[in-house]
Amino acid sequence: MSGSSTRSRDLALSATFAAFIAVLGLVPAFSPLGFAVPITLQSLGIMLVGAVLGPRHGASAVLFFLFLVALGLPLLAGGRGGLGVFTGPSAGYLVGFPISAAVIGYLIYRRGAPYNPPYALAAIIFGGIVVLYLIGVPVTAWRADISLRAAIVGSGFFIVGDLIKAALAAIIAGAVHRADPRLLPRRRG
């Protein structure tokens, strides 16, 4: 592929995945026991974008999505958008989204082809849950004015769902990489 067609493909993939994350926001969110941060399917999109597009393009797709949210488009679950969402209890998760996608992408793309589902699942759990929670939970405690302990306990409601999303992301990313083996770089050495 020529340089310009590769750039066009990368841009199209980033825009497509940004749209995919937005579509996942149409699925209604819910807050277990009134916790300050809702459970949504959009974190599945973050996991997938990193696993499929890699660190740079995955993070770019998420940043584009967040840019649209900041402009006021109601793309977050529950029809939320605008700069105010970046000051609320879920702000840490939003800030963590592109970092999470980049970590997942880095780990999967660093290993290279062929796609390895168990390794990918571990990478998705690390980047999409551990890294995201390390950023999101303290910000939730700060912005919701609750103790860090309460925020950690509250985040426990998300673990099972996020593990299921991680497994789905690993399976779907595997299917995408089998369908287009050019996405994942060849393993070195």
N, C-alpha and C. Protein backbone atom coordinates (compact mmCIF):
# COMPACT_ATOMS: atom_id res chain seq x y z
N MET A 1 0.84 -1.18 0.00
CA MET A 1 0.00 0.00 0.00
C MET A 1 0.88 1.24 0.00
N SER A 2 0.47 2.24 -0.73
CA SER A 2 1.23 3.49 -0.76
C SER A 2 1.00 4.25 0.53
N GLY A 3 1.86 5.23 0.79
CA GLY A 3 1.77 6.02 2.02
C GLY A 3 0.44 6.71 2.19
N SER A 4 -0.07 7.32 1.09
CA SER A 4 -1.33 8.06 1.22
C SER A 4 -2.51 7.11 1.40
N SER A 5 -2.48 5.95 0.75
CA SER A 5 -3.60 5.01 0.94
C SER A 5 -3.55 4.39 2.33
N THR A 6 -2.35 4.19 2.88
CA THR A 6 -2.23 3.69 4.25
C THR A 6 -2.76 4.72 5.22
N ARG A 7 -2.40 6.00 5.02
CA ARG A 7 -2.91 7.06 5.90
C ARG A 7 -4.44 7.16 5.79
N SER A 8 -4.96 7.03 4.58
CA SER A 8 -6.42 7.08 4.39
C SER A 8 -7.09 5.93 5.10
N ARG A 9 -6.51 4.73 4.99
CA ARG A 9 -7.07 3.56 5.68
C ARG A 9 -7.03 3.77 7.18
N ASP A 10 -5.89 4.26 7.70
CA ASP A 10 -5.76 4.48 9.15
C ASP A 10 -6.77 5.51 9.64
N LEU A 11 -6.95 6.58 8.88
CA LEU A 11 -7.92 7.61 9.25
C LEU A 11 -9.34 7.03 9.23
N ALA A 12 -9.65 6.25 8.21
CA ALA A 12 -10.98 5.63 8.12
C ALA A 12 -11.23 4.68 9.28
N LEU A 13 -10.22 3.89 9.63
CA LEU A 13 -10.37 2.96 10.76
C LEU A 13 -10.55 3.73 12.07
N SER A 14 -9.77 4.78 12.27
CA SER A 14 -9.91 5.58 13.50
C SER A 14 -11.29 6.20 13.60
N ALA A 15 -11.78 6.76 12.50
CA ALA A 15 -13.12 7.37 12.49
C ALA A 15 -14.20 6.31 12.73
N THR A 16 -14.03 5.15 12.12
CA THR A 16 -15.00 4.07 12.28
C THR A 16 -15.06 3.61 13.73
N PHE A 17 -13.90 3.46 14.35
CA PHE A 17 -13.89 3.02 15.74
C PHE A 17 -14.39 4.11 16.69
N ALA A 18 -14.14 5.37 16.39
CA ALA A 18 -14.70 6.45 17.19
C ALA A 18 -16.23 6.40 17.12
N ALA A 19 -16.76 6.14 15.92
CA ALA A 19 -18.20 6.00 15.75
C ALA A 19 -18.73 4.78 16.50
N PHE A 20 -17.96 3.70 16.48
CA PHE A 20 -18.35 2.48 17.19
C PHE A 20 -18.47 2.76 18.69
N ILE A 21 -17.49 3.49 19.26
CA ILE A 21 -17.55 3.83 20.68
C ILE A 21 -18.79 4.68 20.96
N ALA A 22 -19.09 5.60 20.05
CA ALA A 22 -20.29 6.45 20.21
C ALA A 22 -21.56 5.61 20.17
N VAL A 23 -21.64 4.65 19.25
CA VAL A 23 -22.82 3.78 19.15
C VAL A 23 -23.02 2.98 20.43
N LEU A 24 -21.93 2.53 21.03
CA LEU A 24 -22.04 1.79 22.29
C LEU A 24 -22.63 2.67 23.39
N GLY A 25 -22.52 3.98 23.25
CA GLY A 25 -23.12 4.90 24.21
C GLY A 25 -24.64 4.96 24.11
N LEU A 26 -25.20 4.43 23.02
CA LEU A 26 -26.65 4.41 22.89
C LEU A 26 -27.29 3.37 23.80
N VAL A 27 -26.51 2.38 24.20
CA VAL A 27 -27.03 1.38 25.13
C VAL A 27 -27.14 2.06 26.49
N PRO A 28 -28.33 1.99 27.10
CA PRO A 28 -28.53 2.71 28.36
C PRO A 28 -27.52 2.30 29.43
N ALA A 29 -27.06 3.28 30.18
CA ALA A 29 -26.15 3.06 31.29
C ALA A 29 -26.97 2.89 32.56
N PHE A 30 -26.36 2.25 33.56
CA PHE A 30 -27.02 2.20 34.85
C PHE A 30 -25.96 2.31 35.94
N SER A 31 -26.39 2.81 37.08
CA SER A 31 -25.49 2.99 38.22
C SER A 31 -25.92 2.05 39.34
N PRO A 32 -25.08 1.04 39.63
CA PRO A 32 -25.45 0.12 40.70
C PRO A 32 -25.46 0.83 42.05
N LEU A 33 -26.53 0.65 42.77
CA LEU A 33 -26.69 1.23 44.10
C LEU A 33 -26.39 2.73 44.12
N GLY A 34 -26.66 3.40 43.00
CA GLY A 34 -26.48 4.85 42.92
C GLY A 34 -25.03 5.31 42.87
N PHE A 35 -24.10 4.42 42.50
CA PHE A 35 -22.69 4.80 42.42
C PHE A 35 -22.52 5.95 41.43
N ALA A 36 -21.55 6.80 41.66
CA ALA A 36 -21.38 8.03 40.90
C ALA A 36 -21.00 7.81 39.43
N VAL A 37 -20.44 6.66 39.10
CA VAL A 37 -20.00 6.38 37.73
C VAL A 37 -20.89 5.28 37.15
N PRO A 38 -21.51 5.51 35.99
CA PRO A 38 -22.41 4.50 35.44
C PRO A 38 -21.66 3.36 34.75
N ILE A 39 -22.32 2.21 34.68
CA ILE A 39 -21.80 1.08 33.92
C ILE A 39 -22.28 1.26 32.48
N THR A 40 -21.35 1.23 31.54
CA THR A 40 -21.68 1.41 30.13
C THR A 40 -20.96 0.36 29.30
N LEU A 41 -21.34 0.26 28.04
CA LEU A 41 -20.63 -0.63 27.11
C LEU A 41 -19.47 0.07 26.43
N GLN A 42 -19.32 1.37 26.66
CA GLN A 42 -18.28 2.10 25.94
C GLN A 42 -16.87 1.63 26.29
N SER A 43 -16.69 1.08 27.48
CA SER A 43 -15.36 0.56 27.82
C SER A 43 -15.02 -0.65 26.94
N LEU A 44 -16.02 -1.39 26.48
CA LEU A 44 -15.77 -2.47 25.51
C LEU A 44 -15.18 -1.89 24.23
N GLY A 45 -15.71 -0.76 23.80
CA GLY A 45 -15.17 -0.09 22.60
C GLY A 45 -13.73 0.34 22.80
N ILE A 46 -13.41 0.84 23.99
CA ILE A 46 -12.04 1.26 24.28
C ILE A 46 -11.10 0.06 24.21
N MET A 47 -11.54 -1.05 24.78
CA MET A 47 -10.72 -2.27 24.76
C MET A 47 -10.49 -2.74 23.32
N LEU A 48 -11.55 -2.73 22.54
CA LEU A 48 -11.45 -3.19 21.15
C LEU A 48 -10.59 -2.29 20.29
N VAL A 49 -10.74 -0.99 20.45
CA VAL A 49 -9.99 -0.07 19.61
C VAL A 49 -8.49 -0.24 19.83
N GLY A 50 -8.08 -0.43 21.07
CA GLY A 50 -6.66 -0.66 21.33
C GLY A 50 -6.18 -1.98 20.77
N ALA A 51 -6.99 -3.03 20.95
CA ALA A 51 -6.61 -4.37 20.51
C ALA A 51 -6.57 -4.49 18.99
N VAL A 52 -7.40 -3.74 18.29
CA VAL A 52 -7.46 -3.84 16.84
C VAL A 52 -6.55 -2.84 16.15
N LEU A 53 -6.55 -1.60 16.60
CA LEU A 53 -5.82 -0.54 15.88
C LEU A 53 -4.40 -0.30 16.39
N GLY A 54 -4.07 -0.82 17.54
CA GLY A 54 -2.74 -0.59 18.08
C GLY A 54 -2.68 0.68 18.91
N PRO A 55 -1.49 0.98 19.44
CA PRO A 55 -1.40 2.09 20.40
C PRO A 55 -1.67 3.47 19.80
N ARG A 56 -1.05 3.79 18.71
CA ARG A 56 -1.17 5.15 18.17
C ARG A 56 -2.56 5.39 17.58
N HIS A 57 -2.99 4.52 16.70
CA HIS A 57 -4.29 4.72 16.05
C HIS A 57 -5.45 4.48 17.01
N GLY A 58 -5.26 3.55 17.95
CA GLY A 58 -6.29 3.31 18.95
C GLY A 58 -6.50 4.54 19.82
N ALA A 59 -5.40 5.10 20.33
CA ALA A 59 -5.50 6.30 21.16
C ALA A 59 -6.05 7.47 20.35
N SER A 60 -5.66 7.57 19.08
CA SER A 60 -6.17 8.66 18.22
C SER A 60 -7.68 8.56 18.04
N ALA A 61 -8.17 7.35 17.83
CA ALA A 61 -9.62 7.16 17.67
C ALA A 61 -10.36 7.58 18.93
N VAL A 62 -9.81 7.22 20.09
CA VAL A 62 -10.45 7.58 21.36
C VAL A 62 -10.37 9.09 21.59
N LEU A 63 -9.23 9.69 21.27
CA LEU A 63 -9.11 11.14 21.42
C LEU A 63 -10.09 11.88 20.50
N PHE A 64 -10.28 11.38 19.29
CA PHE A 64 -11.26 11.98 18.38
C PHE A 64 -12.66 11.88 18.98
N PHE A 65 -13.00 10.71 19.51
CA PHE A 65 -14.29 10.52 20.17
C PHE A 65 -14.45 11.51 21.32
N LEU A 66 -13.43 11.64 22.17
CA LEU A 66 -13.51 12.55 23.31
C LEU A 66 -13.57 14.01 22.87
N PHE A 67 -12.92 14.34 21.76
CA PHE A 67 -13.02 15.69 21.20
C PHE A 67 -14.46 15.99 20.82
N LEU A 68 -15.13 15.05 20.19
CA LEU A 68 -16.54 15.24 19.83
C LEU A 68 -17.41 15.38 21.06
N VAL A 69 -17.10 14.60 22.11
CA VAL A 69 -17.83 14.72 23.38
C VAL A 69 -17.62 16.12 23.96
N ALA A 70 -16.37 16.58 23.95
CA ALA A 70 -16.06 17.91 24.50
C ALA A 70 -16.78 19.02 23.73
N LEU A 71 -16.98 18.82 22.43
CA LEU A 71 -17.71 19.81 21.64
C LEU A 71 -19.19 19.88 22.01
N GLY A 72 -19.64 18.89 22.77
CA GLY A 72 -21.03 18.90 23.22
C GLY A 72 -21.90 17.84 22.60
N LEU A 73 -21.36 17.03 21.70
CA LEU A 73 -22.17 15.96 21.12
C LEU A 73 -22.52 14.96 22.23
N PRO A 74 -23.78 14.55 22.30
CA PRO A 74 -24.23 13.67 23.39
C PRO A 74 -23.87 12.20 23.09
N LEU A 75 -22.58 11.90 23.08
CA LEU A 75 -22.11 10.59 22.66
C LEU A 75 -21.83 9.63 23.81
N LEU A 76 -21.80 10.14 25.02
CA LEU A 76 -21.59 9.26 26.16
C LEU A 76 -22.91 8.62 26.55
N ALA A 77 -22.82 7.47 27.20
CA ALA A 77 -24.02 6.78 27.65
C ALA A 77 -24.91 7.74 28.42
N GLY A 78 -26.19 7.65 28.16
CA GLY A 78 -27.14 8.55 28.80
C GLY A 78 -27.28 9.87 28.07
N GLY A 79 -26.66 9.99 26.88
CA GLY A 79 -26.77 11.21 26.09
C GLY A 79 -25.98 12.37 26.66
N ARG A 80 -24.90 12.06 27.37
CA ARG A 80 -24.10 13.13 27.96
C ARG A 80 -23.02 13.60 26.99
N GLY A 81 -22.65 14.84 27.10
CA GLY A 81 -21.58 15.43 26.31
C GLY A 81 -21.28 16.82 26.84
N GLY A 82 -20.26 17.44 26.30
CA GLY A 82 -19.86 18.78 26.74
C GLY A 82 -18.70 18.71 27.70
N LEU A 83 -18.14 19.87 27.97
CA LEU A 83 -16.95 19.94 28.83
C LEU A 83 -17.24 19.52 30.27
N GLY A 84 -18.48 19.67 30.70
CA GLY A 84 -18.83 19.33 32.08
C GLY A 84 -18.57 17.88 32.44
N VAL A 85 -18.64 16.97 31.48
CA VAL A 85 -18.40 15.56 31.80
C VAL A 85 -16.96 15.33 32.21
N PHE A 86 -16.07 16.25 31.83
CA PHE A 86 -14.66 16.11 32.18
C PHE A 86 -14.34 16.66 33.57
N THR A 87 -15.37 17.09 34.29
CA THR A 87 -15.19 17.56 35.66
C THR A 87 -15.97 16.73 36.66
N GLY A 88 -16.74 15.76 36.17
CA GLY A 88 -17.57 14.94 37.04
C GLY A 88 -16.86 13.70 37.56
N PRO A 89 -17.59 12.84 38.27
CA PRO A 89 -17.01 11.64 38.85
C PRO A 89 -16.40 10.67 37.83
N SER A 90 -16.87 10.68 36.59
CA SER A 90 -16.29 9.76 35.59
C SER A 90 -15.16 10.38 34.80
N ALA A 91 -14.71 11.58 35.17
CA ALA A 91 -13.66 12.26 34.43
C ALA A 91 -12.38 11.44 34.33
N GLY A 92 -12.00 10.77 35.39
CA GLY A 92 -10.78 9.97 35.37
C GLY A 92 -10.85 8.83 34.38
N TYR A 93 -12.03 8.25 34.26
CA TYR A 93 -12.20 7.17 33.27
C TYR A 93 -12.10 7.73 31.86
N LEU A 94 -12.70 8.90 31.64
CA LEU A 94 -12.63 9.51 30.31
C LEU A 94 -11.19 9.85 29.95
N VAL A 95 -10.47 10.44 30.88
CA VAL A 95 -9.06 10.75 30.65
C VAL A 95 -8.25 9.46 30.45
N GLY A 96 -8.64 8.43 31.17
CA GLY A 96 -7.94 7.15 31.06
C GLY A 96 -8.24 6.36 29.80
N PHE A 97 -9.34 6.69 29.11
CA PHE A 97 -9.71 5.93 27.90
C PHE A 97 -8.59 5.88 26.86
N PRO A 98 -8.03 7.00 26.42
CA PRO A 98 -6.98 6.90 25.40
C PRO A 98 -5.71 6.22 25.93
N ILE A 99 -5.41 6.42 27.20
CA ILE A 99 -4.24 5.76 27.79
C ILE A 99 -4.46 4.25 27.80
N SER A 100 -5.65 3.85 28.20
CA SER A 100 -6.01 2.43 28.23
C SER A 100 -5.90 1.80 26.84
N ALA A 101 -6.46 2.47 25.84
CA ALA A 101 -6.39 1.96 24.47
C ALA A 101 -4.94 1.85 24.01
N ALA A 102 -4.12 2.84 24.37
CA ALA A 102 -2.71 2.83 23.96
C ALA A 102 -1.95 1.69 24.64
N VAL A 103 -2.22 1.45 25.91
CA VAL A 103 -1.53 0.36 26.62
C VAL A 103 -1.92 -0.99 26.02
N ILE A 104 -3.21 -1.20 25.80
CA ILE A 104 -3.67 -2.45 25.19
C ILE A 104 -3.02 -2.63 23.82
N GLY A 105 -3.09 -1.59 23.01
CA GLY A 105 -2.51 -1.65 21.67
C GLY A 105 -1.02 -1.91 21.70
N TYR A 106 -0.33 -1.23 22.60
CA TYR A 106 1.12 -1.42 22.70
C TYR A 106 1.46 -2.87 23.03
N LEU A 107 0.77 -3.43 24.01
CA LEU A 107 1.07 -4.80 24.42
C LEU A 107 0.77 -5.81 23.31
N ILE A 108 -0.37 -5.66 22.66
CA ILE A 108 -0.75 -6.61 21.61
C ILE A 108 0.12 -6.42 20.37
N TYR A 109 0.35 -5.19 19.97
CA TYR A 109 1.15 -4.95 18.76
C TYR A 109 2.63 -5.23 18.99
N ARG A 110 3.09 -5.08 20.21
CA ARG A 110 4.49 -5.39 20.51
C ARG A 110 4.74 -6.88 20.34
N ARG A 111 3.78 -7.69 20.74
CA ARG A 111 3.91 -9.14 20.57
C ARG A 111 3.82 -9.50 19.10
N GLY A 112 2.93 -8.83 18.38
CA GLY A 112 2.81 -9.04 16.94
C GLY A 112 2.01 -10.27 16.56
N ALA A 113 2.00 -10.54 15.25
CA ALA A 113 1.25 -11.67 14.70
C ALA A 113 2.04 -12.96 14.92
N PRO A 114 1.37 -14.06 15.04
CA PRO A 114 -0.07 -14.22 14.99
C PRO A 114 -0.74 -13.80 16.30
N TYR A 115 -1.98 -13.38 16.18
CA TYR A 115 -2.77 -12.96 17.33
C TYR A 115 -2.90 -14.14 18.30
N ASN A 116 -2.63 -13.87 19.57
CA ASN A 116 -2.68 -14.90 20.60
C ASN A 116 -3.78 -14.55 21.60
N PRO A 117 -4.92 -15.26 21.56
CA PRO A 117 -6.06 -14.88 22.42
C PRO A 117 -5.76 -14.83 23.92
N PRO A 118 -5.08 -15.81 24.52
CA PRO A 118 -4.82 -15.69 25.96
C PRO A 118 -3.94 -14.48 26.29
N TYR A 119 -2.91 -14.24 25.47
CA TYR A 119 -2.06 -13.08 25.69
C TYR A 119 -2.88 -11.79 25.52
N ALA A 120 -3.70 -11.75 24.48
CA ALA A 120 -4.52 -10.56 24.22
C ALA A 120 -5.48 -10.31 25.38
N LEU A 121 -6.07 -11.37 25.91
CA LEU A 121 -6.97 -11.22 27.05
C LEU A 121 -6.23 -10.61 28.24
N ALA A 122 -5.02 -11.10 28.51
CA ALA A 122 -4.23 -10.55 29.62
C ALA A 122 -3.90 -9.08 29.36
N ALA A 123 -3.54 -8.74 28.13
CA ALA A 123 -3.23 -7.35 27.78
C ALA A 123 -4.45 -6.46 27.93
N ILE A 124 -5.60 -6.96 27.52
CA ILE A 124 -6.84 -6.18 27.62
C ILE A 124 -7.24 -6.00 29.08
N ILE A 125 -7.09 -7.04 29.89
CA ILE A 125 -7.41 -6.90 31.31
C ILE A 125 -6.47 -5.89 31.96
N PHE A 126 -5.18 -5.98 31.64
CA PHE A 126 -4.23 -5.04 32.24
C PHE A 126 -4.53 -3.60 31.81
N GLY A 127 -4.60 -3.36 30.50
CA GLY A 127 -4.82 -2.00 30.01
C GLY A 127 -6.23 -1.50 30.22
N GLY A 128 -7.21 -2.37 30.01
CA GLY A 128 -8.60 -1.95 30.02
C GLY A 128 -9.27 -1.97 31.38
N ILE A 129 -8.64 -2.64 32.34
CA ILE A 129 -9.22 -2.66 33.69
C ILE A 129 -8.22 -2.07 34.69
N VAL A 130 -7.04 -2.68 34.81
CA VAL A 130 -6.08 -2.24 35.82
C VAL A 130 -5.67 -0.78 35.58
N VAL A 131 -5.18 -0.48 34.39
CA VAL A 131 -4.73 0.88 34.10
C VAL A 131 -5.90 1.87 34.20
N LEU A 132 -7.04 1.50 33.64
CA LEU A 132 -8.19 2.41 33.66
C LEU A 132 -8.67 2.68 35.08
N TYR A 133 -8.70 1.65 35.92
CA TYR A 133 -9.13 1.84 37.30
C TYR A 133 -8.11 2.67 38.09
N LEU A 134 -6.82 2.48 37.79
CA LEU A 134 -5.78 3.26 38.50
C LEU A 134 -5.95 4.76 38.25
N ILE A 135 -6.48 5.10 37.10
CA ILE A 135 -6.74 6.51 36.79
C ILE A 135 -8.13 6.92 37.25
N GLY A 136 -9.12 6.09 36.96
CA GLY A 136 -10.52 6.45 37.20
C GLY A 136 -10.95 6.47 38.65
N VAL A 137 -10.51 5.49 39.43
CA VAL A 137 -10.99 5.38 40.82
C VAL A 137 -10.57 6.57 41.68
N PRO A 138 -9.30 6.99 41.67
CA PRO A 138 -8.95 8.16 42.49
C PRO A 138 -9.68 9.44 42.08
N VAL A 139 -9.89 9.61 40.78
CA VAL A 139 -10.60 10.81 40.32
C VAL A 139 -12.06 10.74 40.75
N THR A 140 -12.65 9.55 40.72
CA THR A 140 -14.03 9.39 41.20
C THR A 140 -14.12 9.79 42.67
N ALA A 141 -13.16 9.32 43.47
CA ALA A 141 -13.17 9.68 44.90
C ALA A 141 -13.09 11.19 45.07
N TRP A 142 -12.21 11.81 44.30
CA TRP A 142 -12.02 13.26 44.40
C TRP A 142 -13.27 14.01 43.94
N ARG A 143 -13.78 13.69 42.75
CA ARG A 143 -14.88 14.46 42.17
C ARG A 143 -16.23 14.14 42.82
N ALA A 144 -16.39 12.92 43.36
CA ALA A 144 -17.65 12.58 44.05
C ALA A 144 -17.58 12.90 45.53
N ASP A 145 -16.41 13.39 45.98
CA ASP A 145 -16.19 13.75 47.37
C ASP A 145 -16.49 12.57 48.30
N ILE A 146 -15.89 11.44 47.96
CA ILE A 146 -15.99 10.24 48.79
C ILE A 146 -14.57 9.77 49.09
N SER A 147 -14.45 8.86 50.04
CA SER A 147 -13.12 8.35 50.38
C SER A 147 -12.62 7.46 49.24
N LEU A 148 -11.31 7.33 49.16
CA LEU A 148 -10.71 6.44 48.18
C LEU A 148 -11.19 5.01 48.41
N ARG A 149 -11.32 4.64 49.67
CA ARG A 149 -11.81 3.30 50.00
C ARG A 149 -13.22 3.09 49.44
N ALA A 150 -14.09 4.08 49.62
CA ALA A 150 -15.47 3.97 49.11
C ALA A 150 -15.47 3.87 47.58
N ALA A 151 -14.57 4.61 46.95
CA ALA A 151 -14.48 4.55 45.48
C ALA A 151 -13.98 3.18 45.03
N ILE A 152 -13.03 2.62 45.76
CA ILE A 152 -12.52 1.28 45.42
C ILE A 152 -13.61 0.24 45.58
N VAL A 153 -14.33 0.31 46.70
CA VAL A 153 -15.42 -0.64 46.94
C VAL A 153 -16.49 -0.48 45.86
N GLY A 154 -16.84 0.76 45.52
CA GLY A 154 -17.84 1.01 44.48
C GLY A 154 -17.41 0.48 43.13
N SER A 155 -16.12 0.58 42.84
CA SER A 155 -15.64 0.08 41.55
C SER A 155 -15.71 -1.43 41.47
N GLY A 156 -15.82 -2.09 42.61
CA GLY A 156 -15.95 -3.55 42.62
C GLY A 156 -17.18 -4.03 41.86
N PHE A 157 -18.21 -3.18 41.78
CA PHE A 157 -19.41 -3.55 41.03
C PHE A 157 -19.14 -3.68 39.53
N PHE A 158 -18.06 -3.11 39.08
CA PHE A 158 -17.74 -3.09 37.66
C PHE A 158 -16.89 -4.28 37.21
N ILE A 159 -16.21 -4.93 38.14
CA ILE A 159 -15.19 -5.93 37.80
C ILE A 159 -15.75 -7.06 36.93
N VAL A 160 -16.81 -7.70 37.36
CA VAL A 160 -17.32 -8.85 36.60
C VAL A 160 -17.72 -8.43 35.19
N GLY A 161 -18.43 -7.33 35.07
CA GLY A 161 -18.83 -6.85 33.75
C GLY A 161 -17.64 -6.49 32.89
N ASP A 162 -16.63 -5.87 33.49
CA ASP A 162 -15.43 -5.51 32.73
C ASP A 162 -14.64 -6.74 32.31
N LEU A 163 -14.62 -7.77 33.14
CA LEU A 163 -13.96 -9.02 32.74
C LEU A 163 -14.68 -9.68 31.56
N ILE A 164 -16.00 -9.61 31.57
CA ILE A 164 -16.78 -10.15 30.44
C ILE A 164 -16.49 -9.32 29.19
N LYS A 165 -16.45 -8.00 29.32
CA LYS A 165 -16.14 -7.13 28.18
C LYS A 165 -14.73 -7.42 27.65
N ALA A 166 -13.78 -7.66 28.56
CA ALA A 166 -12.41 -7.97 28.14
C ALA A 166 -12.37 -9.27 27.33
N ALA A 167 -13.12 -10.28 27.79
CA ALA A 167 -13.16 -11.55 27.05
C ALA A 167 -13.79 -11.35 25.68
N LEU A 168 -14.88 -10.59 25.63
CA LEU A 168 -15.52 -10.30 24.33
C LEU A 168 -14.58 -9.54 23.41
N ALA A 169 -13.88 -8.56 23.97
CA ALA A 169 -12.94 -7.78 23.16
C ALA A 169 -11.83 -8.67 22.60
N ALA A 170 -11.32 -9.59 23.40
CA ALA A 170 -10.26 -10.50 22.93
C ALA A 170 -10.78 -11.39 21.81
N ILE A 171 -12.00 -11.87 21.93
CA ILE A 171 -12.59 -12.74 20.90
C ILE A 171 -12.85 -11.95 19.62
N ILE A 172 -13.47 -10.79 19.75
CA ILE A 172 -13.79 -9.97 18.57
C ILE A 172 -12.51 -9.49 17.88
N ALA A 173 -11.53 -9.04 18.67
CA ALA A 173 -10.26 -8.59 18.08
C ALA A 173 -9.59 -9.74 17.33
N GLY A 174 -9.68 -10.95 17.87
CA GLY A 174 -9.12 -12.11 17.18
C GLY A 174 -9.77 -12.32 15.83
N ALA A 175 -11.09 -12.19 15.78
CA ALA A 175 -11.81 -12.35 14.51
C ALA A 175 -11.40 -11.26 13.52
N VAL A 176 -11.24 -10.03 14.01
CA VAL A 176 -10.82 -8.94 13.12
C VAL A 176 -9.41 -9.18 12.59
N HIS A 177 -8.52 -9.61 13.45
CA HIS A 177 -7.14 -9.86 13.01
C HIS A 177 -7.05 -11.06 12.06
N ARG A 178 -7.93 -12.03 12.22
CA ARG A 178 -7.96 -13.14 11.24
C ARG A 178 -8.51 -12.65 9.91
N ALA A 179 -9.49 -11.75 9.95
CA ALA A 179 -10.09 -11.23 8.71
C ALA A 179 -9.13 -10.30 7.97
N ASP A 180 -8.33 -9.54 8.71
CA ASP A 180 -7.36 -8.64 8.08
C ASP A 180 -6.01 -8.78 8.78
N PRO A 181 -5.24 -9.78 8.39
CA PRO A 181 -3.95 -10.04 9.06
C PRO A 181 -2.94 -8.90 8.90
N ARG A 182 -3.20 -7.96 8.00
CA ARG A 182 -2.27 -6.83 7.81
C ARG A 182 -2.31 -5.85 8.97
N LEU A 183 -3.36 -5.89 9.79
CA LEU A 183 -3.46 -4.94 10.90
C LEU A 183 -2.37 -5.17 11.94
N LEU A 184 -2.06 -6.42 12.22
CA LEU A 184 -1.11 -6.76 13.26
C LEU A 184 0.27 -6.97 12.65
N PRO A 185 1.28 -6.29 13.17
CA PRO A 185 2.64 -6.46 12.60
C PRO A 185 3.16 -7.87 12.83
N ARG A 186 4.00 -8.32 11.92
CA ARG A 186 4.63 -9.63 12.05
C ARG A 186 5.52 -9.64 13.28
N ARG A 187 5.50 -10.74 13.97
CA ARG A 187 6.32 -10.89 15.16
C ARG A 187 7.78 -10.94 14.80
N ARG A 188 8.57 -10.24 15.58
CA ARG A 188 10.02 -10.21 15.30
C ARG A 188 10.68 -11.44 15.87
N GLY A 189 11.69 -11.88 15.14
CA GLY A 189 12.58 -12.83 15.53
C GLY A 189 12.53 -14.13 15.98
